[in-house]
Amino acid sequence: MPESIADTLAVAAERLTRSGVPNAQREATALWAAVLDVKPGDVWLQRAAAPPAPAAAHFWGALERRSTGVPFPYAVGRAGFRSLELRCDARALIPRPETEGLVDLVLAWAGMRDAGNGMRGIAADVGTGCGCIALSLAAEGTFDRVIAVERSPEAAALARVNVALVRPRTPVEIREGDWLCAAARSWRTRRT
């Protein structure tokens, strides 16, 4: 059993190298940082310390998943998106950095539409997956509410976990169903 975090990382890097993971030392450090929710530089500063048992157990599980080819966010169980840290697993796709630009476009468009008249409106995220777009709009926008539609019950359950984790100031409603039909229920009921 490794006696220090540095020893743990060396063993992990060897395992990742054997598995064909590129930049194995950096990957091992990133896994440890993600497990402890610290920056990789903090891992380096703490390298002489003994690894805490609960964190080490979680790390070895993440390492096992990563060394079998599981993508990093699935291996550690979370992914960053804009200012949010979200739960992430195989129930939904991994949030993509380029999707963050879509949130920028929606927020800019909604800001221009507001023009100070107080009409904030409803945002809809169709095919929400883990809820990254809906939650970013709820956390950063000025919408009355955000509706997140997901066809997969498993992905919708993950999105609900993230809503509870983030707790945005704007309400986010997760709806399961056929994409636009589930979103349209809201607008039909508002008109009648």
N, C-alpha and C. Protein backbone atom coordinates (compact mmCIF):
# COMPACT_ATOMS: atom_id res chain seq x y z
N MET A 1 0.86 -1.18 0.00
CA MET A 1 0.00 0.00 0.00
C MET A 1 0.90 1.24 0.00
N PRO A 2 0.65 2.18 -0.92
CA PRO A 2 1.46 3.40 -0.98
C PRO A 2 1.37 4.20 0.33
N GLU A 3 2.52 4.77 0.74
CA GLU A 3 2.58 5.49 2.00
C GLU A 3 2.32 6.99 1.86
N SER A 4 2.45 7.52 0.66
CA SER A 4 2.23 8.95 0.46
C SER A 4 1.38 9.15 -0.79
N ILE A 5 0.88 10.37 -0.93
CA ILE A 5 0.13 10.71 -2.14
C ILE A 5 1.03 10.57 -3.36
N ALA A 6 2.30 10.95 -3.24
CA ALA A 6 3.24 10.81 -4.36
C ALA A 6 3.40 9.35 -4.76
N ASP A 7 3.50 8.45 -3.78
CA ASP A 7 3.59 7.02 -4.07
C ASP A 7 2.32 6.52 -4.76
N THR A 8 1.19 6.98 -4.26
CA THR A 8 -0.10 6.59 -4.84
C THR A 8 -0.16 7.02 -6.30
N LEU A 9 0.25 8.25 -6.57
CA LEU A 9 0.21 8.77 -7.93
C LEU A 9 1.18 8.02 -8.84
N ALA A 10 2.33 7.61 -8.32
CA ALA A 10 3.29 6.86 -9.13
C ALA A 10 2.72 5.50 -9.53
N VAL A 11 2.09 4.82 -8.58
CA VAL A 11 1.46 3.53 -8.88
C VAL A 11 0.33 3.73 -9.90
N ALA A 12 -0.46 4.77 -9.69
CA ALA A 12 -1.57 5.06 -10.60
C ALA A 12 -1.07 5.39 -12.00
N ALA A 13 -0.02 6.17 -12.10
CA ALA A 13 0.53 6.54 -13.41
C ALA A 13 1.03 5.31 -14.15
N GLU A 14 1.67 4.38 -13.43
CA GLU A 14 2.12 3.13 -14.06
C GLU A 14 0.93 2.35 -14.63
N ARG A 15 -0.12 2.29 -13.85
CA ARG A 15 -1.33 1.56 -14.29
C ARG A 15 -1.94 2.23 -15.52
N LEU A 16 -2.04 3.54 -15.50
CA LEU A 16 -2.60 4.27 -16.64
C LEU A 16 -1.72 4.11 -17.87
N THR A 17 -0.42 4.13 -17.70
CA THR A 17 0.51 3.94 -18.82
C THR A 17 0.29 2.57 -19.44
N ARG A 18 0.19 1.54 -18.61
CA ARG A 18 -0.06 0.17 -19.12
C ARG A 18 -1.39 0.10 -19.86
N SER A 19 -2.34 0.92 -19.47
CA SER A 19 -3.66 0.93 -20.11
C SER A 19 -3.70 1.77 -21.37
N GLY A 20 -2.59 2.47 -21.66
CA GLY A 20 -2.53 3.28 -22.88
C GLY A 20 -3.08 4.68 -22.73
N VAL A 21 -3.28 5.13 -21.50
CA VAL A 21 -3.77 6.50 -21.28
C VAL A 21 -2.59 7.46 -21.45
N PRO A 22 -2.70 8.42 -22.37
CA PRO A 22 -1.60 9.37 -22.55
C PRO A 22 -1.44 10.30 -21.35
N ASN A 23 -0.23 10.84 -21.17
CA ASN A 23 0.06 11.77 -20.07
C ASN A 23 -0.39 11.19 -18.73
N ALA A 24 0.06 9.97 -18.47
CA ALA A 24 -0.42 9.21 -17.32
C ALA A 24 -0.18 9.92 -15.99
N GLN A 25 0.98 10.55 -15.80
CA GLN A 25 1.25 11.22 -14.53
C GLN A 25 0.28 12.39 -14.31
N ARG A 26 0.08 13.17 -15.37
CA ARG A 26 -0.85 14.29 -15.27
C ARG A 26 -2.28 13.80 -15.05
N GLU A 27 -2.64 12.71 -15.72
CA GLU A 27 -3.97 12.14 -15.58
C GLU A 27 -4.18 11.64 -14.14
N ALA A 28 -3.18 10.96 -13.58
CA ALA A 28 -3.29 10.48 -12.20
C ALA A 28 -3.48 11.65 -11.23
N THR A 29 -2.71 12.72 -11.44
CA THR A 29 -2.83 13.90 -10.58
C THR A 29 -4.21 14.53 -10.72
N ALA A 30 -4.70 14.61 -11.95
CA ALA A 30 -6.03 15.19 -12.19
C ALA A 30 -7.12 14.33 -11.54
N LEU A 31 -6.97 13.01 -11.59
CA LEU A 31 -7.94 12.13 -10.93
C LEU A 31 -7.94 12.37 -9.41
N TRP A 32 -6.73 12.45 -8.83
CA TRP A 32 -6.65 12.69 -7.38
C TRP A 32 -7.27 14.05 -7.03
N ALA A 33 -6.98 15.06 -7.82
CA ALA A 33 -7.53 16.40 -7.58
C ALA A 33 -9.05 16.38 -7.66
N ALA A 34 -9.58 15.68 -8.65
CA ALA A 34 -11.03 15.62 -8.81
C ALA A 34 -11.69 14.88 -7.65
N VAL A 35 -11.06 13.82 -7.20
CA VAL A 35 -11.60 13.05 -6.08
C VAL A 35 -11.63 13.88 -4.80
N LEU A 36 -10.58 14.66 -4.56
CA LEU A 36 -10.51 15.48 -3.35
C LEU A 36 -11.12 16.86 -3.53
N ASP A 37 -11.54 17.17 -4.76
CA ASP A 37 -12.11 18.48 -5.08
C ASP A 37 -11.12 19.60 -4.75
N VAL A 38 -9.88 19.42 -5.24
CA VAL A 38 -8.83 20.43 -5.08
C VAL A 38 -8.20 20.68 -6.44
N LYS A 39 -7.35 21.66 -6.52
CA LYS A 39 -6.63 21.96 -7.76
C LYS A 39 -5.43 21.01 -7.88
N PRO A 40 -5.02 20.69 -9.11
CA PRO A 40 -3.85 19.82 -9.28
C PRO A 40 -2.59 20.35 -8.57
N GLY A 41 -2.42 21.65 -8.51
CA GLY A 41 -1.29 22.22 -7.79
C GLY A 41 -1.32 21.89 -6.30
N ASP A 42 -2.53 21.83 -5.74
CA ASP A 42 -2.67 21.47 -4.32
C ASP A 42 -2.24 20.02 -4.08
N VAL A 43 -2.50 19.16 -5.07
CA VAL A 43 -2.08 17.77 -4.96
C VAL A 43 -0.56 17.72 -4.85
N TRP A 44 0.12 18.48 -5.69
CA TRP A 44 1.58 18.51 -5.67
C TRP A 44 2.09 19.00 -4.33
N LEU A 45 1.44 20.02 -3.78
CA LEU A 45 1.87 20.56 -2.49
C LEU A 45 1.69 19.56 -1.35
N GLN A 46 0.71 18.67 -1.48
CA GLN A 46 0.40 17.70 -0.43
C GLN A 46 1.03 16.33 -0.69
N ARG A 47 1.88 16.22 -1.70
CA ARG A 47 2.38 14.92 -2.17
C ARG A 47 3.08 14.08 -1.09
N ALA A 48 3.65 14.68 -0.07
CA ALA A 48 4.35 13.93 0.98
C ALA A 48 3.39 13.38 2.03
N ALA A 49 2.16 13.87 2.06
CA ALA A 49 1.19 13.44 3.07
C ALA A 49 0.69 12.03 2.77
N ALA A 50 0.23 11.38 3.81
CA ALA A 50 -0.40 10.07 3.64
C ALA A 50 -1.78 10.26 3.00
N PRO A 51 -2.13 9.40 2.06
CA PRO A 51 -3.45 9.55 1.43
C PRO A 51 -4.56 9.20 2.42
N PRO A 52 -5.56 10.07 2.58
CA PRO A 52 -6.68 9.75 3.47
C PRO A 52 -7.43 8.52 2.94
N ALA A 53 -7.77 7.61 3.81
CA ALA A 53 -8.37 6.33 3.41
C ALA A 53 -9.63 6.48 2.55
N PRO A 54 -10.62 7.29 2.95
CA PRO A 54 -11.83 7.39 2.12
C PRO A 54 -11.52 7.95 0.73
N ALA A 55 -10.66 8.95 0.66
CA ALA A 55 -10.30 9.54 -0.64
C ALA A 55 -9.54 8.54 -1.48
N ALA A 56 -8.65 7.77 -0.84
CA ALA A 56 -7.87 6.77 -1.58
C ALA A 56 -8.79 5.71 -2.17
N ALA A 57 -9.78 5.27 -1.42
CA ALA A 57 -10.72 4.26 -1.93
C ALA A 57 -11.48 4.81 -3.14
N HIS A 58 -11.93 6.05 -3.04
CA HIS A 58 -12.64 6.68 -4.16
C HIS A 58 -11.69 6.84 -5.36
N PHE A 59 -10.46 7.21 -5.09
CA PHE A 59 -9.46 7.39 -6.15
C PHE A 59 -9.21 6.08 -6.89
N TRP A 60 -9.01 4.97 -6.13
CA TRP A 60 -8.73 3.69 -6.80
C TRP A 60 -9.91 3.25 -7.65
N GLY A 61 -11.12 3.56 -7.23
CA GLY A 61 -12.30 3.25 -8.06
C GLY A 61 -12.30 4.07 -9.34
N ALA A 62 -12.02 5.36 -9.21
CA ALA A 62 -11.95 6.23 -10.39
C ALA A 62 -10.82 5.80 -11.32
N LEU A 63 -9.69 5.41 -10.74
CA LEU A 63 -8.56 4.94 -11.54
C LEU A 63 -8.91 3.67 -12.29
N GLU A 64 -9.59 2.77 -11.63
CA GLU A 64 -10.02 1.52 -12.29
C GLU A 64 -10.90 1.83 -13.50
N ARG A 65 -11.87 2.71 -13.30
CA ARG A 65 -12.76 3.07 -14.42
C ARG A 65 -11.97 3.74 -15.54
N ARG A 66 -11.10 4.67 -15.20
CA ARG A 66 -10.32 5.41 -16.21
C ARG A 66 -9.38 4.48 -16.96
N SER A 67 -8.76 3.54 -16.27
CA SER A 67 -7.81 2.64 -16.92
C SER A 67 -8.49 1.64 -17.84
N THR A 68 -9.80 1.50 -17.73
CA THR A 68 -10.53 0.63 -18.66
C THR A 68 -11.14 1.41 -19.82
N GLY A 69 -10.77 2.68 -19.93
CA GLY A 69 -11.22 3.47 -21.06
C GLY A 69 -12.42 4.35 -20.81
N VAL A 70 -12.93 4.37 -19.59
CA VAL A 70 -14.06 5.24 -19.27
C VAL A 70 -13.58 6.68 -19.34
N PRO A 71 -14.35 7.58 -20.00
CA PRO A 71 -13.94 8.98 -20.07
C PRO A 71 -13.76 9.59 -18.67
N PHE A 72 -12.86 10.54 -18.57
CA PHE A 72 -12.50 11.15 -17.29
C PHE A 72 -13.73 11.62 -16.49
N PRO A 73 -14.65 12.41 -17.08
CA PRO A 73 -15.80 12.87 -16.27
C PRO A 73 -16.65 11.71 -15.72
N TYR A 74 -16.81 10.65 -16.50
CA TYR A 74 -17.55 9.50 -15.99
C TYR A 74 -16.76 8.79 -14.90
N ALA A 75 -15.45 8.72 -15.06
CA ALA A 75 -14.61 8.04 -14.06
C ALA A 75 -14.68 8.71 -12.71
N VAL A 76 -14.69 10.06 -12.69
CA VAL A 76 -14.72 10.78 -11.42
C VAL A 76 -16.14 11.16 -11.00
N GLY A 77 -17.10 11.02 -11.92
CA GLY A 77 -18.50 11.26 -11.57
C GLY A 77 -18.95 12.70 -11.62
N ARG A 78 -18.17 13.55 -12.27
CA ARG A 78 -18.58 14.95 -12.36
C ARG A 78 -17.88 15.65 -13.52
N ALA A 79 -18.47 16.78 -13.91
CA ALA A 79 -17.89 17.58 -14.99
C ALA A 79 -18.18 19.05 -14.72
N GLY A 80 -17.25 19.89 -15.09
CA GLY A 80 -17.45 21.32 -14.98
C GLY A 80 -18.12 21.84 -16.25
N PHE A 81 -19.02 22.78 -16.08
CA PHE A 81 -19.68 23.44 -17.20
C PHE A 81 -19.94 24.88 -16.79
N ARG A 82 -19.27 25.81 -17.48
CA ARG A 82 -19.31 27.23 -17.13
C ARG A 82 -18.90 27.37 -15.66
N SER A 83 -19.76 27.91 -14.82
CA SER A 83 -19.39 28.09 -13.41
C SER A 83 -19.91 26.94 -12.54
N LEU A 84 -20.49 25.93 -13.15
CA LEU A 84 -21.13 24.85 -12.40
C LEU A 84 -20.27 23.60 -12.35
N GLU A 85 -20.40 22.86 -11.28
CA GLU A 85 -19.80 21.53 -11.14
C GLU A 85 -20.98 20.57 -11.04
N LEU A 86 -21.11 19.69 -12.04
CA LEU A 86 -22.29 18.84 -12.15
C LEU A 86 -21.94 17.37 -12.03
N ARG A 87 -22.88 16.58 -11.53
CA ARG A 87 -22.72 15.13 -11.53
C ARG A 87 -22.78 14.68 -12.99
N CYS A 88 -21.97 13.69 -13.29
CA CYS A 88 -21.87 13.22 -14.67
C CYS A 88 -21.63 11.72 -14.66
N ASP A 89 -22.46 11.00 -15.39
CA ASP A 89 -22.24 9.57 -15.56
C ASP A 89 -22.84 9.13 -16.88
N ALA A 90 -22.81 7.86 -17.14
CA ALA A 90 -23.19 7.33 -18.45
C ALA A 90 -24.67 7.47 -18.77
N ARG A 91 -25.47 8.03 -17.86
CA ARG A 91 -26.88 8.25 -18.17
C ARG A 91 -27.08 9.38 -19.17
N ALA A 92 -26.08 10.24 -19.32
CA ALA A 92 -26.18 11.39 -20.23
C ALA A 92 -24.82 11.65 -20.85
N LEU A 93 -24.82 12.38 -21.94
CA LEU A 93 -23.56 12.75 -22.58
C LEU A 93 -22.77 13.70 -21.69
N ILE A 94 -21.47 13.71 -21.88
CA ILE A 94 -20.59 14.61 -21.15
C ILE A 94 -20.78 16.03 -21.69
N PRO A 95 -20.99 17.02 -20.82
CA PRO A 95 -21.11 18.40 -21.30
C PRO A 95 -19.87 18.82 -22.10
N ARG A 96 -20.10 19.45 -23.24
CA ARG A 96 -19.02 19.85 -24.13
C ARG A 96 -18.69 21.33 -23.92
N PRO A 97 -17.39 21.67 -23.92
CA PRO A 97 -17.01 23.07 -23.74
C PRO A 97 -17.61 23.99 -24.81
N GLU A 98 -17.73 23.51 -26.04
CA GLU A 98 -18.28 24.37 -27.09
C GLU A 98 -19.75 24.70 -26.86
N THR A 99 -20.44 23.89 -26.07
CA THR A 99 -21.84 24.18 -25.74
C THR A 99 -21.96 25.38 -24.83
N GLU A 100 -20.90 25.71 -24.11
CA GLU A 100 -20.92 26.89 -23.25
C GLU A 100 -21.18 28.15 -24.07
N GLY A 101 -20.70 28.18 -25.30
CA GLY A 101 -20.96 29.32 -26.19
C GLY A 101 -22.43 29.46 -26.53
N LEU A 102 -23.14 28.35 -26.62
CA LEU A 102 -24.58 28.40 -26.87
C LEU A 102 -25.29 29.13 -25.73
N VAL A 103 -24.87 28.86 -24.51
CA VAL A 103 -25.46 29.55 -23.36
C VAL A 103 -25.19 31.05 -23.47
N ASP A 104 -23.99 31.43 -23.87
CA ASP A 104 -23.67 32.85 -24.08
C ASP A 104 -24.62 33.48 -25.09
N LEU A 105 -24.86 32.79 -26.20
CA LEU A 105 -25.76 33.31 -27.24
C LEU A 105 -27.18 33.48 -26.72
N VAL A 106 -27.68 32.50 -25.99
CA VAL A 106 -29.05 32.57 -25.46
C VAL A 106 -29.16 33.71 -24.45
N LEU A 107 -28.17 33.82 -23.57
CA LEU A 107 -28.21 34.90 -22.57
C LEU A 107 -28.15 36.27 -23.24
N ALA A 108 -27.33 36.42 -24.27
CA ALA A 108 -27.24 37.69 -24.99
C ALA A 108 -28.56 38.00 -25.69
N TRP A 109 -29.13 37.00 -26.36
CA TRP A 109 -30.39 37.19 -27.05
C TRP A 109 -31.50 37.56 -26.07
N ALA A 110 -31.58 36.86 -24.95
CA ALA A 110 -32.62 37.15 -23.94
C ALA A 110 -32.42 38.53 -23.35
N GLY A 111 -31.17 38.96 -23.16
CA GLY A 111 -30.89 40.29 -22.63
C GLY A 111 -31.36 41.38 -23.58
N MET A 112 -31.20 41.16 -24.88
CA MET A 112 -31.66 42.15 -25.87
C MET A 112 -33.18 42.20 -25.94
N ARG A 113 -33.82 41.06 -25.75
CA ARG A 113 -35.29 41.00 -25.83
C ARG A 113 -35.95 41.67 -24.62
N ASP A 114 -35.29 41.67 -23.48
CA ASP A 114 -35.87 42.22 -22.25
C ASP A 114 -36.12 43.71 -22.39
N ALA A 115 -35.13 44.47 -22.79
CA ALA A 115 -35.24 45.91 -23.01
C ALA A 115 -35.90 46.65 -21.85
N GLY A 116 -35.76 46.12 -20.64
CA GLY A 116 -36.25 46.82 -19.46
C GLY A 116 -37.74 46.73 -19.25
N ASN A 117 -38.47 45.92 -20.01
CA ASN A 117 -39.92 45.87 -19.83
C ASN A 117 -40.36 44.80 -18.83
N GLY A 118 -39.40 44.12 -18.21
CA GLY A 118 -39.74 43.14 -17.19
C GLY A 118 -40.24 41.82 -17.72
N MET A 119 -40.33 41.65 -19.01
CA MET A 119 -40.79 40.39 -19.59
C MET A 119 -39.60 39.44 -19.68
N ARG A 120 -39.52 38.56 -18.73
CA ARG A 120 -38.37 37.67 -18.68
C ARG A 120 -38.60 36.39 -19.45
N GLY A 121 -39.75 35.82 -19.40
CA GLY A 121 -40.09 34.65 -20.19
C GLY A 121 -39.58 33.33 -19.65
N ILE A 122 -39.78 32.32 -20.48
CA ILE A 122 -39.43 30.95 -20.15
C ILE A 122 -38.36 30.49 -21.12
N ALA A 123 -37.35 29.83 -20.60
CA ALA A 123 -36.34 29.20 -21.45
C ALA A 123 -36.61 27.70 -21.47
N ALA A 124 -36.36 27.07 -22.61
CA ALA A 124 -36.53 25.63 -22.73
C ALA A 124 -35.25 25.00 -23.24
N ASP A 125 -34.86 23.93 -22.61
CA ASP A 125 -33.70 23.14 -23.02
C ASP A 125 -34.24 21.77 -23.41
N VAL A 126 -34.25 21.49 -24.69
CA VAL A 126 -34.82 20.24 -25.21
C VAL A 126 -33.70 19.24 -25.42
N GLY A 127 -33.81 18.09 -24.77
CA GLY A 127 -32.75 17.10 -24.78
C GLY A 127 -31.70 17.48 -23.75
N THR A 128 -32.13 17.73 -22.53
CA THR A 128 -31.29 18.35 -21.51
C THR A 128 -30.12 17.50 -21.02
N GLY A 129 -30.22 16.20 -21.13
CA GLY A 129 -29.14 15.34 -20.63
C GLY A 129 -28.94 15.55 -19.14
N CYS A 130 -27.74 15.94 -18.73
CA CYS A 130 -27.46 16.16 -17.31
C CYS A 130 -28.00 17.50 -16.82
N GLY A 131 -28.51 18.33 -17.72
CA GLY A 131 -29.10 19.61 -17.33
C GLY A 131 -28.15 20.79 -17.39
N CYS A 132 -27.00 20.65 -18.02
CA CYS A 132 -25.98 21.71 -17.99
C CYS A 132 -26.47 23.02 -18.60
N ILE A 133 -27.16 22.97 -19.73
CA ILE A 133 -27.63 24.21 -20.37
C ILE A 133 -28.74 24.83 -19.54
N ALA A 134 -29.73 24.02 -19.16
CA ALA A 134 -30.86 24.54 -18.37
C ALA A 134 -30.37 25.17 -17.07
N LEU A 135 -29.45 24.49 -16.40
CA LEU A 135 -28.96 25.01 -15.11
C LEU A 135 -28.12 26.27 -15.30
N SER A 136 -27.36 26.35 -16.36
CA SER A 136 -26.58 27.57 -16.62
C SER A 136 -27.52 28.74 -16.91
N LEU A 137 -28.56 28.50 -17.69
CA LEU A 137 -29.53 29.55 -17.98
C LEU A 137 -30.25 29.99 -16.70
N ALA A 138 -30.57 29.03 -15.84
CA ALA A 138 -31.25 29.36 -14.59
C ALA A 138 -30.33 30.11 -13.63
N ALA A 139 -29.07 29.73 -13.61
CA ALA A 139 -28.12 30.36 -12.68
C ALA A 139 -27.66 31.73 -13.16
N GLU A 140 -27.55 31.91 -14.47
CA GLU A 140 -26.98 33.15 -15.00
C GLU A 140 -27.99 34.08 -15.65
N GLY A 141 -29.13 33.54 -16.06
CA GLY A 141 -30.12 34.34 -16.78
C GLY A 141 -31.13 34.99 -15.86
N THR A 142 -32.08 35.67 -16.48
CA THR A 142 -33.14 36.34 -15.72
C THR A 142 -34.50 35.83 -16.18
N PHE A 143 -34.59 34.56 -16.42
CA PHE A 143 -35.84 33.96 -16.88
C PHE A 143 -36.79 33.75 -15.70
N ASP A 144 -38.10 33.70 -16.01
CA ASP A 144 -39.08 33.38 -14.97
C ASP A 144 -38.90 31.94 -14.51
N ARG A 145 -38.63 31.06 -15.47
CA ARG A 145 -38.36 29.66 -15.18
C ARG A 145 -37.70 29.02 -16.38
N VAL A 146 -37.15 27.84 -16.15
CA VAL A 146 -36.50 27.09 -17.22
C VAL A 146 -37.12 25.70 -17.23
N ILE A 147 -37.52 25.27 -18.42
CA ILE A 147 -38.06 23.93 -18.60
C ILE A 147 -36.99 23.10 -19.30
N ALA A 148 -36.67 21.97 -18.70
CA ALA A 148 -35.68 21.06 -19.27
C ALA A 148 -36.39 19.76 -19.63
N VAL A 149 -36.36 19.42 -20.90
CA VAL A 149 -37.07 18.25 -21.39
C VAL A 149 -36.06 17.16 -21.73
N GLU A 150 -36.37 15.95 -21.29
CA GLU A 150 -35.50 14.81 -21.59
C GLU A 150 -36.35 13.58 -21.84
N ARG A 151 -36.04 12.89 -22.92
CA ARG A 151 -36.77 11.68 -23.29
C ARG A 151 -36.34 10.48 -22.44
N SER A 152 -35.07 10.42 -22.08
CA SER A 152 -34.54 9.30 -21.30
C SER A 152 -34.84 9.48 -19.82
N PRO A 153 -35.55 8.53 -19.20
CA PRO A 153 -35.81 8.65 -17.76
C PRO A 153 -34.52 8.67 -16.93
N GLU A 154 -33.50 7.93 -17.38
CA GLU A 154 -32.24 7.90 -16.65
C GLU A 154 -31.55 9.26 -16.69
N ALA A 155 -31.50 9.88 -17.87
CA ALA A 155 -30.88 11.20 -17.99
C ALA A 155 -31.69 12.24 -17.22
N ALA A 156 -33.02 12.14 -17.27
CA ALA A 156 -33.87 13.07 -16.51
C ALA A 156 -33.60 12.95 -15.01
N ALA A 157 -33.38 11.73 -14.54
CA ALA A 157 -33.05 11.53 -13.12
C ALA A 157 -31.71 12.19 -12.78
N LEU A 158 -30.74 12.07 -13.67
CA LEU A 158 -29.45 12.74 -13.45
C LEU A 158 -29.62 14.26 -13.44
N ALA A 159 -30.43 14.78 -14.34
CA ALA A 159 -30.69 16.23 -14.36
C ALA A 159 -31.33 16.68 -13.05
N ARG A 160 -32.24 15.88 -12.51
CA ARG A 160 -32.86 16.22 -11.22
C ARG A 160 -31.82 16.26 -10.09
N VAL A 161 -30.88 15.32 -10.13
CA VAL A 161 -29.80 15.33 -9.14
C VAL A 161 -29.03 16.64 -9.24
N ASN A 162 -28.75 17.09 -10.47
CA ASN A 162 -27.99 18.32 -10.65
C ASN A 162 -28.80 19.56 -10.27
N VAL A 163 -30.10 19.54 -10.49
CA VAL A 163 -30.93 20.66 -10.04
C VAL A 163 -30.84 20.77 -8.52
N ALA A 164 -30.94 19.64 -7.83
CA ALA A 164 -30.85 19.65 -6.37
C ALA A 164 -29.46 20.08 -5.90
N LEU A 165 -28.43 19.73 -6.66
CA LEU A 165 -27.06 20.09 -6.31
C LEU A 165 -26.81 21.59 -6.50
N VAL A 166 -27.24 22.13 -7.65
CA VAL A 166 -26.97 23.53 -7.98
C VAL A 166 -27.92 24.47 -7.25
N ARG A 167 -29.19 24.11 -7.15
CA ARG A 167 -30.21 24.93 -6.51
C ARG A 167 -30.21 26.37 -7.06
N PRO A 168 -30.45 26.51 -8.37
CA PRO A 168 -30.41 27.85 -8.97
C PRO A 168 -31.55 28.72 -8.46
N ARG A 169 -31.36 30.03 -8.58
CA ARG A 169 -32.39 30.97 -8.10
C ARG A 169 -33.64 30.93 -8.97
N THR A 170 -33.49 30.60 -10.23
CA THR A 170 -34.63 30.47 -11.14
C THR A 170 -35.07 29.01 -11.13
N PRO A 171 -36.37 28.76 -10.99
CA PRO A 171 -36.85 27.37 -10.96
C PRO A 171 -36.55 26.63 -12.27
N VAL A 172 -36.10 25.39 -12.14
CA VAL A 172 -35.87 24.51 -13.28
C VAL A 172 -36.80 23.32 -13.13
N GLU A 173 -37.63 23.12 -14.13
CA GLU A 173 -38.57 22.01 -14.13
C GLU A 173 -38.08 20.96 -15.12
N ILE A 174 -37.82 19.76 -14.64
CA ILE A 174 -37.40 18.66 -15.50
C ILE A 174 -38.65 17.91 -15.94
N ARG A 175 -38.82 17.79 -17.25
CA ARG A 175 -39.96 17.06 -17.80
C ARG A 175 -39.46 15.89 -18.62
N GLU A 176 -40.06 14.76 -18.38
CA GLU A 176 -39.75 13.59 -19.20
C GLU A 176 -40.80 13.49 -20.30
N GLY A 177 -40.33 13.20 -21.48
CA GLY A 177 -41.29 13.01 -22.56
C GLY A 177 -40.69 13.29 -23.92
N ASP A 178 -41.54 13.16 -24.90
CA ASP A 178 -41.14 13.43 -26.26
C ASP A 178 -40.87 14.92 -26.37
N TRP A 179 -39.74 15.24 -26.83
CA TRP A 179 -39.10 16.52 -26.69
C TRP A 179 -39.99 17.75 -26.80
N LEU A 180 -40.39 18.14 -27.96
CA LEU A 180 -41.14 19.39 -28.09
C LEU A 180 -42.55 19.28 -27.53
N CYS A 181 -43.14 18.09 -27.54
CA CYS A 181 -44.48 17.92 -26.97
C CYS A 181 -44.47 18.23 -25.47
N ALA A 182 -43.46 17.75 -24.78
CA ALA A 182 -43.37 18.00 -23.33
C ALA A 182 -43.16 19.48 -23.04
N ALA A 183 -42.37 20.14 -23.84
CA ALA A 183 -42.14 21.58 -23.65
C ALA A 183 -43.39 22.37 -23.98
N ALA A 184 -44.10 21.98 -25.02
CA ALA A 184 -45.28 22.72 -25.47
C ALA A 184 -46.41 22.71 -24.46
N ARG A 185 -46.49 21.68 -23.61
CA ARG A 185 -47.56 21.64 -22.60
C ARG A 185 -47.58 22.93 -21.79
N SER A 186 -46.44 23.49 -21.50
CA SER A 186 -46.35 24.69 -20.69
C SER A 186 -46.98 25.89 -21.40
N TRP A 187 -46.68 26.05 -22.67
CA TRP A 187 -47.19 27.21 -23.37
C TRP A 187 -48.68 27.10 -23.64
N ARG A 188 -49.17 25.89 -23.88
CA ARG A 188 -50.60 25.71 -24.09
C ARG A 188 -51.36 26.04 -22.83
N THR A 189 -50.88 25.58 -21.68
CA THR A 189 -51.60 25.82 -20.44
C THR A 189 -51.55 27.30 -20.03
N ARG A 190 -50.53 28.03 -20.44
CA ARG A 190 -50.45 29.45 -20.10
C ARG A 190 -51.44 30.28 -20.91
N ARG A 191 -51.72 29.85 -22.15
CA ARG A 191 -52.64 30.62 -23.01
C ARG A 191 -54.09 30.44 -22.65
N THR A 192 -54.44 29.26 -22.07
CA THR A 192 -55.85 28.99 -21.80
C THR A 192 -56.26 29.45 -20.44
